[in-house]
Each structure stands twice: as C-alpha cells, then as structure tokens.
Amino acid sequence: MIYKKNEDLDYVQADETSLAVFDPETGNTHFFDETGIDILNILSEPCDLDILLQKLCEIYNTTPQKIKADVEEFLAKTTEKKVIKIL
C-alpha cells in the first residue's frame, strides 16, 4: 500500500514537539507528538511502508523490526481518522 498525508486537513504546529490536525469536514482535532510529526512529514510525499520504515530508521537510528508494529498501528489509526490516505 502507498500512504500519503491528507492535504485536505488543517495542520497547526504549535512547536517542534506538538502538532494539531483539524478535520473541517468532521470538526475533529487530532494531536501528534514528535514521532507523529516525523511520520506525517515523510508522508508529505507518497510512500509505502518499507520506505517509511527506512526513513524513520535513519532518523531514530533503529531497525525496521523494532518499529514496524508501532508504525503499522499508527498508520491504521491515522488512516481510520483520515489523517493519512491510502492511494
């Protein structure tokens, strides 16, 4: 699957460690920490899970095996909330 940040939402970054994402269609606001911000920044361009994991491993100096389950959970939740689209 190819993932991409939903550009139809409003992104308000309060500081380096917190981001609010407002969905004008539903009126919902979602909040993200540094890791969520990094994932959303990477997904400004479409990419698949393997590329996303590779880029996160470069940022956090880890291995795909250590973060894959958490990233998949993040993608599932944010896709459900329509913050991330599956192309």
PDB file of N, CA and C in Angstrom:
ATOM      1  N   MET A   1       0.831  -1.180   0.000  1.00  0.00           N
ATOM      2  CA  MET A   1       0.000   0.000   0.000  1.00  0.00           C
ATOM      3  C   MET A   1       0.879   1.248   0.000  1.00  0.00           C
ATOM      4  N   ILE A   2       0.353   2.267  -0.621  1.00  0.00           N
ATOM      5  CA  ILE A   2       1.033   3.559  -0.656  1.00  0.00           C
ATOM      6  C   ILE A   2       0.257   4.516   0.245  1.00  0.00           C
ATOM      7  N   TYR A   3       0.982   5.187   1.145  1.00  0.00           N
ATOM      8  CA  TYR A   3       0.381   6.103   2.108  1.00  0.00           C
ATOM      9  C   TYR A   3       0.773   7.537   1.785  1.00  0.00           C
ATOM     10  N   LYS A   4      -0.136   8.479   2.113  1.00  0.00           N
ATOM     11  CA  LYS A   4       0.154   9.895   1.931  1.00  0.00           C
ATOM     12  C   LYS A   4      -0.640  10.700   2.947  1.00  0.00           C
ATOM     13  N   LYS A   5      -0.012  11.751   3.439  1.00  0.00           N
ATOM     14  CA  LYS A   5      -0.684  12.666   4.366  1.00  0.00           C
ATOM     15  C   LYS A   5      -1.866  13.316   3.649  1.00  0.00           C
ATOM     16  N   ASN A   6      -2.986  13.430   4.338  1.00  0.00           N
ATOM     17  CA  ASN A   6      -4.181  14.050   3.779  1.00  0.00           C
ATOM     18  C   ASN A   6      -4.003  15.570   3.785  1.00  0.00           C
ATOM     19  N   GLU A   7      -3.803  16.134   2.624  1.00  0.00           N
ATOM     20  CA  GLU A   7      -3.549  17.573   2.494  1.00  0.00           C
ATOM     21  C   GLU A   7      -4.823  18.408   2.642  1.00  0.00           C
ATOM     22  N   ASP A   8      -5.979  17.758   2.728  1.00  0.00           N
ATOM     23  CA  ASP A   8      -7.249  18.480   2.849  1.00  0.00           C
ATOM     24  C   ASP A   8      -7.512  18.946   4.285  1.00  0.00           C
ATOM     25  N   LEU A   9      -6.678  18.515   5.222  1.00  0.00           N
ATOM     26  CA  LEU A   9      -6.857  18.887   6.617  1.00  0.00           C
ATOM     27  C   LEU A   9      -5.992  20.096   6.945  1.00  0.00           C
ATOM     28  N   ASP A  10      -6.278  20.726   8.085  1.00  0.00           N
ATOM     29  CA  ASP A  10      -5.514  21.883   8.532  1.00  0.00           C
ATOM     30  C   ASP A  10      -4.478  21.429   9.557  1.00  0.00           C
ATOM     31  N   TYR A  11      -3.216  21.772   9.304  1.00  0.00           N
ATOM     32  CA  TYR A  11      -2.107  21.378  10.173  1.00  0.00           C
ATOM     33  C   TYR A  11      -1.572  22.612  10.882  1.00  0.00           C
ATOM     34  N   VAL A  12      -1.589  22.584  12.223  1.00  0.00           N
ATOM     35  CA  VAL A  12      -1.118  23.707  13.017  1.00  0.00           C
ATOM     36  C   VAL A  12      -0.042  23.185  13.970  1.00  0.00           C
ATOM     37  N   GLN A  13       1.204  23.563  13.686  1.00  0.00           N
ATOM     38  CA  GLN A  13       2.304  23.119  14.536  1.00  0.00           C
ATOM     39  C   GLN A  13       2.576  24.194  15.579  1.00  0.00           C
ATOM     40  N   ALA A  14       2.286  23.857  16.843  1.00  0.00           N
ATOM     41  CA  ALA A  14       2.470  24.798  17.950  1.00  0.00           C
ATOM     42  C   ALA A  14       3.947  25.009  18.240  1.00  0.00           C
ATOM     43  N   ASP A  15       4.711  23.930  18.198  1.00  0.00           N
ATOM     44  CA  ASP A  15       6.157  23.992  18.408  1.00  0.00           C
ATOM     45  C   ASP A  15       6.768  22.742  17.787  1.00  0.00           C
ATOM     46  N   GLU A  16       8.037  22.494  18.065  1.00  0.00           N
ATOM     47  CA  GLU A  16       8.720  21.350  17.454  1.00  0.00           C
ATOM     48  C   GLU A  16       8.163  20.008  17.890  1.00  0.00           C
ATOM     49  N   THR A  17       7.473  19.974  19.020  1.00  0.00           N
ATOM     50  CA  THR A  17       7.052  18.687  19.578  1.00  0.00           C
ATOM     51  C   THR A  17       5.550  18.451  19.585  1.00  0.00           C
ATOM     52  N   SER A  18       4.773  19.378  19.046  1.00  0.00           N
ATOM     53  CA  SER A  18       3.322  19.154  19.044  1.00  0.00           C
ATOM     54  C   SER A  18       2.676  19.729  17.787  1.00  0.00           C
ATOM     55  N   LEU A  19       1.756  18.939  17.260  1.00  0.00           N
ATOM     56  CA  LEU A  19       1.045  19.284  16.039  1.00  0.00           C
ATOM     57  C   LEU A  19      -0.430  18.984  16.244  1.00  0.00           C
ATOM     58  N   ALA A  20      -1.274  19.926  15.857  1.00  0.00           N
ATOM     59  CA  ALA A  20      -2.723  19.709  15.861  1.00  0.00           C
ATOM     60  C   ALA A  20      -3.178  19.588  14.412  1.00  0.00           C
ATOM     61  N   VAL A  21      -4.020  18.607  14.155  1.00  0.00           N
ATOM     62  CA  VAL A  21      -4.563  18.404  12.822  1.00  0.00           C
ATOM     63  C   VAL A  21      -6.080  18.502  12.929  1.00  0.00           C
ATOM     64  N   PHE A  22      -6.648  19.485  12.229  1.00  0.00           N
ATOM     65  CA  PHE A  22      -8.084  19.737  12.281  1.00  0.00           C
ATOM     66  C   PHE A  22      -8.732  19.247  10.997  1.00  0.00           C
ATOM     67  N   ASP A  23      -9.805  18.477  11.154  1.00  0.00           N
ATOM     68  CA  ASP A  23     -10.584  17.986  10.026  1.00  0.00           C
ATOM     69  C   ASP A  23     -11.839  18.850   9.912  1.00  0.00           C
ATOM     70  N   PRO A  24     -11.867  19.782   8.946  1.00  0.00           N
ATOM     71  CA  PRO A  24     -13.023  20.681   8.840  1.00  0.00           C
ATOM     72  C   PRO A  24     -14.324  19.959   8.485  1.00  0.00           C
ATOM     73  N   GLU A  25     -14.218  18.796   7.867  1.00  0.00           N
ATOM     74  CA  GLU A  25     -15.409  18.034   7.492  1.00  0.00           C
ATOM     75  C   GLU A  25     -16.117  17.456   8.713  1.00  0.00           C
ATOM     76  N   THR A  26     -15.332  16.934   9.667  1.00  0.00           N
ATOM     77  CA  THR A  26     -15.929  16.298  10.845  1.00  0.00           C
ATOM     78  C   THR A  26     -15.887  17.190  12.082  1.00  0.00           C
ATOM     79  N   GLY A  27     -15.016  18.197  12.066  1.00  0.00           N
ATOM     80  CA  GLY A  27     -14.838  19.046  13.240  1.00  0.00           C
ATOM     81  C   GLY A  27     -13.895  18.447  14.267  1.00  0.00           C
ATOM     82  N   ASN A  28     -13.292  17.295  13.946  1.00  0.00           N
ATOM     83  CA  ASN A  28     -12.374  16.631  14.871  1.00  0.00           C
ATOM     84  C   ASN A  28     -10.973  17.227  14.785  1.00  0.00           C
ATOM     85  N   THR A  29     -10.305  17.270  15.938  1.00  0.00           N
ATOM     86  CA  THR A  29      -8.910  17.681  16.002  1.00  0.00           C
ATOM     87  C   THR A  29      -8.101  16.531  16.571  1.00  0.00           C
ATOM     88  N   HIS A  30      -6.976  16.240  15.928  1.00  0.00           N
ATOM     89  CA  HIS A  30      -6.091  15.155  16.349  1.00  0.00           C
ATOM     90  C   HIS A  30      -4.740  15.766  16.704  1.00  0.00           C
ATOM     91  N   PHE A  31      -4.101  15.232  17.742  1.00  0.00           N
ATOM     92  CA  PHE A  31      -2.835  15.781  18.222  1.00  0.00           C
ATOM     93  C   PHE A  31      -1.721  14.758  18.047  1.00  0.00           C
ATOM     94  N   PHE A  32      -0.538  15.254  17.648  1.00  0.00           N
ATOM     95  CA  PHE A  32       0.605  14.381  17.384  1.00  0.00           C
ATOM     96  C   PHE A  32       1.854  14.902  18.072  1.00  0.00           C
ATOM     97  N   ASP A  33       2.700  13.941  18.502  1.00  0.00           N
ATOM     98  CA  ASP A  33       3.980  14.275  19.124  1.00  0.00           C
ATOM     99  C   ASP A  33       5.072  14.276  18.061  1.00  0.00           C
ATOM    100  N   GLU A  34       6.318  14.321  18.505  1.00  0.00           N
ATOM    101  CA  GLU A  34       7.449  14.409  17.580  1.00  0.00           C
ATOM    102  C   GLU A  34       7.488  13.252  16.576  1.00  0.00           C
ATOM    103  N   THR A  35       7.254  12.054  17.053  1.00  0.00           N
ATOM    104  CA  THR A  35       7.303  10.900  16.155  1.00  0.00           C
ATOM    105  C   THR A  35       6.194  10.982  15.116  1.00  0.00           C
ATOM    106  N   GLY A  36       4.998  11.342  15.554  1.00  0.00           N
ATOM    107  CA  GLY A  36       3.891  11.510  14.619  1.00  0.00           C
ATOM    108  C   GLY A  36       4.176  12.597  13.595  1.00  0.00           C
ATOM    109  N   ILE A  37       4.808  13.672  14.064  1.00  0.00           N
ATOM    110  CA  ILE A  37       5.172  14.764  13.159  1.00  0.00           C
ATOM    111  C   ILE A  37       6.168  14.258  12.114  1.00  0.00           C
ATOM    112  N   ASP A  38       7.153  13.480  12.547  1.00  0.00           N
ATOM    113  CA  ASP A  38       8.136  12.939  11.601  1.00  0.00           C
ATOM    114  C   ASP A  38       7.464  12.043  10.562  1.00  0.00           C
ATOM    115  N   ILE A  39       6.553  11.194  11.002  1.00  0.00           N
ATOM    116  CA  ILE A  39       5.852  10.307  10.063  1.00  0.00           C
ATOM    117  C   ILE A  39       5.037  11.138   9.074  1.00  0.00           C
ATOM    118  N   LEU A  40       4.294  12.111   9.567  1.00  0.00           N
ATOM    119  CA  LEU A  40       3.484  12.940   8.671  1.00  0.00           C
ATOM    120  C   LEU A  40       4.357  13.736   7.707  1.00  0.00           C
ATOM    121  N   ASN A  41       5.508  14.205   8.171  1.00  0.00           N
ATOM    122  CA  ASN A  41       6.422  14.925   7.269  1.00  0.00           C
ATOM    123  C   ASN A  41       6.927  14.013   6.162  1.00  0.00           C
ATOM    124  N   ILE A  42       7.280  12.790   6.512  1.00  0.00           N
ATOM    125  CA  ILE A  42       7.724  11.834   5.498  1.00  0.00           C
ATOM    126  C   ILE A  42       6.601  11.570   4.503  1.00  0.00           C
ATOM    127  N   LEU A  43       5.370  11.472   5.029  1.00  0.00           N
ATOM    128  CA  LEU A  43       4.229  11.146   4.162  1.00  0.00           C
ATOM    129  C   LEU A  43       3.670  12.361   3.422  1.00  0.00           C
ATOM    130  N   SER A  44       4.412  13.458   3.420  1.00  0.00           N
ATOM    131  CA  SER A  44       4.053  14.575   2.541  1.00  0.00           C
ATOM    132  C   SER A  44       4.181  14.128   1.088  1.00  0.00           C
ATOM    133  N   GLU A  45       5.060  13.155   0.875  1.00  0.00           N
ATOM    134  CA  GLU A  45       5.212  12.504  -0.426  1.00  0.00           C
ATOM    135  C   GLU A  45       4.729  11.066  -0.276  1.00  0.00           C
ATOM    136  N   PRO A  46       4.028  10.538  -1.268  1.00  0.00           N
ATOM    137  CA  PRO A  46       3.542   9.154  -1.157  1.00  0.00           C
ATOM    138  C   PRO A  46       4.695   8.167  -0.979  1.00  0.00           C
ATOM    139  N   CYS A  47       4.498   7.198  -0.096  1.00  0.00           N
ATOM    140  CA  CYS A  47       5.485   6.122   0.032  1.00  0.00           C
ATOM    141  C   CYS A  47       4.830   4.901   0.663  1.00  0.00           C
ATOM    142  N   ASP A  48       5.513   3.768   0.490  1.00  0.00           N
ATOM    143  CA  ASP A  48       4.987   2.531   1.081  1.00  0.00           C
ATOM    144  C   ASP A  48       5.604   2.319   2.461  1.00  0.00           C
ATOM    145  N   LEU A  49       5.176   1.278   3.123  1.00  0.00           N
ATOM    146  CA  LEU A  49       5.621   1.000   4.490  1.00  0.00           C
ATOM    147  C   LEU A  49       7.133   0.810   4.567  1.00  0.00           C
ATOM    148  N   ASP A  50       7.709   0.080   3.612  1.00  0.00           N
ATOM    149  CA  ASP A  50       9.147  -0.183   3.658  1.00  0.00           C
ATOM    150  C   ASP A  50       9.963   1.104   3.576  1.00  0.00           C
ATOM    151  N   ILE A  51       9.579   2.004   2.696  1.00  0.00           N
ATOM    152  CA  ILE A  51      10.298   3.279   2.568  1.00  0.00           C
ATOM    153  C   ILE A  51      10.105   4.114   3.828  1.00  0.00           C
ATOM    154  N   LEU A  52       8.895   4.140   4.358  1.00  0.00           N
ATOM    155  CA  LEU A  52       8.624   4.878   5.590  1.00  0.00           C
ATOM    156  C   LEU A  52       9.494   4.349   6.727  1.00  0.00           C
ATOM    157  N   LEU A  53       9.556   3.031   6.874  1.00  0.00           N
ATOM    158  CA  LEU A  53      10.380   2.428   7.924  1.00  0.00           C
ATOM    159  C   LEU A  53      11.855   2.782   7.737  1.00  0.00           C
ATOM    160  N   GLN A  54      12.315   2.727   6.505  1.00  0.00           N
ATOM    161  CA  GLN A  54      13.715   3.047   6.218  1.00  0.00           C
ATOM    162  C   GLN A  54      14.035   4.489   6.631  1.00  0.00           C
ATOM    163  N   LYS A  55      13.161   5.420   6.274  1.00  0.00           N
ATOM    164  CA  LYS A  55      13.395   6.828   6.608  1.00  0.00           C
ATOM    165  C   LYS A  55      13.334   7.059   8.121  1.00  0.00           C
ATOM    166  N   LEU A  56      12.407   6.390   8.799  1.00  0.00           N
ATOM    167  CA  LEU A  56      12.323   6.529  10.255  1.00  0.00           C
ATOM    168  C   LEU A  56      13.553   5.933  10.936  1.00  0.00           C
ATOM    169  N   CYS A  57      14.064   4.840  10.398  1.00  0.00           N
ATOM    170  CA  CYS A  57      15.264   4.220  10.972  1.00  0.00           C
ATOM    171  C   CYS A  57      16.468   5.153  10.855  1.00  0.00           C
ATOM    172  N   GLU A  58      16.524   5.911   9.767  1.00  0.00           N
ATOM    173  CA  GLU A  58      17.606   6.886   9.620  1.00  0.00           C
ATOM    174  C   GLU A  58      17.484   7.995  10.669  1.00  0.00           C
ATOM    175  N   ILE A  59      16.265   8.429  10.937  1.00  0.00           N
ATOM    176  CA  ILE A  59      16.040   9.499  11.917  1.00  0.00           C
ATOM    177  C   ILE A  59      16.331   9.008  13.327  1.00  0.00           C
ATOM    178  N   TYR A  60      15.843   7.820  13.667  1.00  0.00           N
ATOM    179  CA  TYR A  60      15.896   7.333  15.047  1.00  0.00           C
ATOM    180  C   TYR A  60      16.989   6.304  15.313  1.00  0.00           C
ATOM    181  N   ASN A  61      17.806   6.005  14.315  1.00  0.00           N
ATOM    182  CA  ASN A  61      18.916   5.076  14.486  1.00  0.00           C
ATOM    183  C   ASN A  61      18.453   3.750  15.103  1.00  0.00           C
ATOM    184  N   THR A  62      17.521   3.117  14.421  1.00  0.00           N
ATOM    185  CA  THR A  62      16.952   1.851  14.888  1.00  0.00           C
ATOM    186  C   THR A  62      16.805   0.909  13.702  1.00  0.00           C
ATOM    187  N   THR A  63      16.117  -0.208  13.904  1.00  0.00           N
ATOM    188  CA  THR A  63      15.897  -1.174  12.828  1.00  0.00           C
ATOM    189  C   THR A  63      14.407  -1.262  12.521  1.00  0.00           C
ATOM    190  N   PRO A  64      14.079  -1.620  11.287  1.00  0.00           N
ATOM    191  CA  PRO A  64      12.662  -1.762  10.931  1.00  0.00           C
ATOM    192  C   PRO A  64      11.924  -2.759  11.824  1.00  0.00           C
ATOM    193  N   GLN A  65      12.592  -3.825  12.228  1.00  0.00           N
ATOM    194  CA  GLN A  65      11.955  -4.844  13.060  1.00  0.00           C
ATOM    195  C   GLN A  65      11.494  -4.265  14.404  1.00  0.00           C
ATOM    196  N   LYS A  66      12.259  -3.335  14.946  1.00  0.00           N
ATOM    197  CA  LYS A  66      11.928  -2.765  16.253  1.00  0.00           C
ATOM    198  C   LYS A  66      10.753  -1.807  16.206  1.00  0.00           C
ATOM    199  N   ILE A  67      10.513  -1.175  15.055  1.00  0.00           N
ATOM    200  CA  ILE A  67       9.471  -0.140  14.990  1.00  0.00           C
ATOM    201  C   ILE A  67       8.276  -0.499  14.118  1.00  0.00           C
ATOM    202  N   LYS A  68       8.370  -1.586  13.374  1.00  0.00           N
ATOM    203  CA  LYS A  68       7.332  -1.914  12.395  1.00  0.00           C
ATOM    204  C   LYS A  68       5.938  -2.009  13.013  1.00  0.00           C
ATOM    205  N   ALA A  69       5.778  -2.718  14.100  1.00  0.00           N
ATOM    206  CA  ALA A  69       4.450  -2.900  14.708  1.00  0.00           C
ATOM    207  C   ALA A  69       3.869  -1.557  15.141  1.00  0.00           C
ATOM    208  N   ASP A  70       4.687  -0.707  15.749  1.00  0.00           N
ATOM    209  CA  ASP A  70       4.199   0.607  16.185  1.00  0.00           C
ATOM    210  C   ASP A  70       3.823   1.485  15.002  1.00  0.00           C
ATOM    211  N   VAL A  71       4.619   1.436  13.944  1.00  0.00           N
ATOM    212  CA  VAL A  71       4.319   2.244  12.753  1.00  0.00           C
ATOM    213  C   VAL A  71       3.045   1.739  12.088  1.00  0.00           C
ATOM    214  N   GLU A  72       2.879   0.436  12.005  1.00  0.00           N
ATOM    215  CA  GLU A  72       1.654  -0.117  11.419  1.00  0.00           C
ATOM    216  C   GLU A  72       0.431   0.291  12.234  1.00  0.00           C
ATOM    217  N   GLU A  73       0.544   0.295  13.550  1.00  0.00           N
ATOM    218  CA  GLU A  73      -0.559   0.725  14.405  1.00  0.00           C
ATOM    219  C   GLU A  73      -0.868   2.211  14.171  1.00  0.00           C
ATOM    220  N   PHE A  74       0.169   3.038  14.082  1.00  0.00           N
ATOM    221  CA  PHE A  74      -0.008   4.466  13.804  1.00  0.00           C
ATOM    222  C   PHE A  74      -0.720   4.659  12.467  1.00  0.00           C
ATOM    223  N   LEU A  75      -0.277   3.935  11.439  1.00  0.00           N
ATOM    224  CA  LEU A  75      -0.896   4.058  10.119  1.00  0.00           C
ATOM    225  C   LEU A  75      -2.358   3.631  10.153  1.00  0.00           C
ATOM    226  N   ALA A  76      -2.661   2.562  10.858  1.00  0.00           N
ATOM    227  CA  ALA A  76      -4.049   2.088  10.948  1.00  0.00           C
ATOM    228  C   ALA A  76      -4.937   3.137  11.619  1.00  0.00           C
ATOM    229  N   LYS A  77      -4.468   3.696  12.725  1.00  0.00           N
ATOM    230  CA  LYS A  77      -5.269   4.689  13.451  1.00  0.00           C
ATOM    231  C   LYS A  77      -5.439   5.972  12.663  1.00  0.00           C
ATOM    232  N   THR A  78      -4.359   6.444  12.051  1.00  0.00           N
ATOM    233  CA  THR A  78      -4.452   7.714  11.322  1.00  0.00           C
ATOM    234  C   THR A  78      -5.193   7.553   9.997  1.00  0.00           C
ATOM    235  N   THR A  79      -5.155   6.375   9.425  1.00  0.00           N
ATOM    236  CA  THR A  79      -5.952   6.114   8.222  1.00  0.00           C
ATOM    237  C   THR A  79      -7.438   6.111   8.580  1.00  0.00           C
ATOM    238  N   GLU A  80      -7.770   5.501   9.699  1.00  0.00           N
ATOM    239  CA  GLU A  80      -9.155   5.482  10.178  1.00  0.00           C
ATOM    240  C   GLU A  80      -9.659   6.902  10.435  1.00  0.00           C
ATOM    241  N   LYS A  81      -8.796   7.757  10.955  1.00  0.00           N
ATOM    242  CA  LYS A  81      -9.163   9.152  11.253  1.00  0.00           C
ATOM    243  C   LYS A  81      -9.062  10.047  10.020  1.00  0.00           C
ATOM    244  N   LYS A  82      -8.623   9.469   8.897  1.00  0.00           N
ATOM    245  CA  LYS A  82      -8.480  10.167   7.616  1.00  0.00           C
ATOM    246  C   LYS A  82      -7.389  11.232   7.620  1.00  0.00           C
ATOM    247  N   VAL A  83      -6.430  11.097   8.542  1.00  0.00           N
ATOM    248  CA  VAL A  83      -5.261  11.987   8.543  1.00  0.00           C
ATOM    249  C   VAL A  83      -4.287  11.513   7.464  1.00  0.00           C
ATOM    250  N   ILE A  84      -4.263  10.207   7.241  1.00  0.00           N
ATOM    251  CA  ILE A  84      -3.441   9.603   6.193  1.00  0.00           C
ATOM    252  C   ILE A  84      -4.367   8.894   5.212  1.00  0.00           C
ATOM    253  N   LYS A  85      -4.054   9.060   3.939  1.00  0.00           N
ATOM    254  CA  LYS A  85      -4.821   8.404   2.883  1.00  0.00           C
ATOM    255  C   LYS A  85      -4.025   7.215   2.333  1.00  0.00           C
ATOM    256  N   ILE A  86      -4.753   6.205   1.911  1.00  0.00           N
ATOM    257  CA  ILE A  86      -4.144   5.096   1.169  1.00  0.00           C
ATOM    258  C   ILE A  86      -4.427   5.362  -0.296  1.00  0.00           C
ATOM    259  N   LEU A  87      -3.368   5.428  -1.083  1.00  0.00           N
ATOM    260  CA  LEU A  87      -3.534   5.734  -2.511  1.00  0.00           C
ATOM    261  C   LEU A  87      -3.672   4.465  -3.331  1.00  0.00           C
TER     262      LEU A  87
END
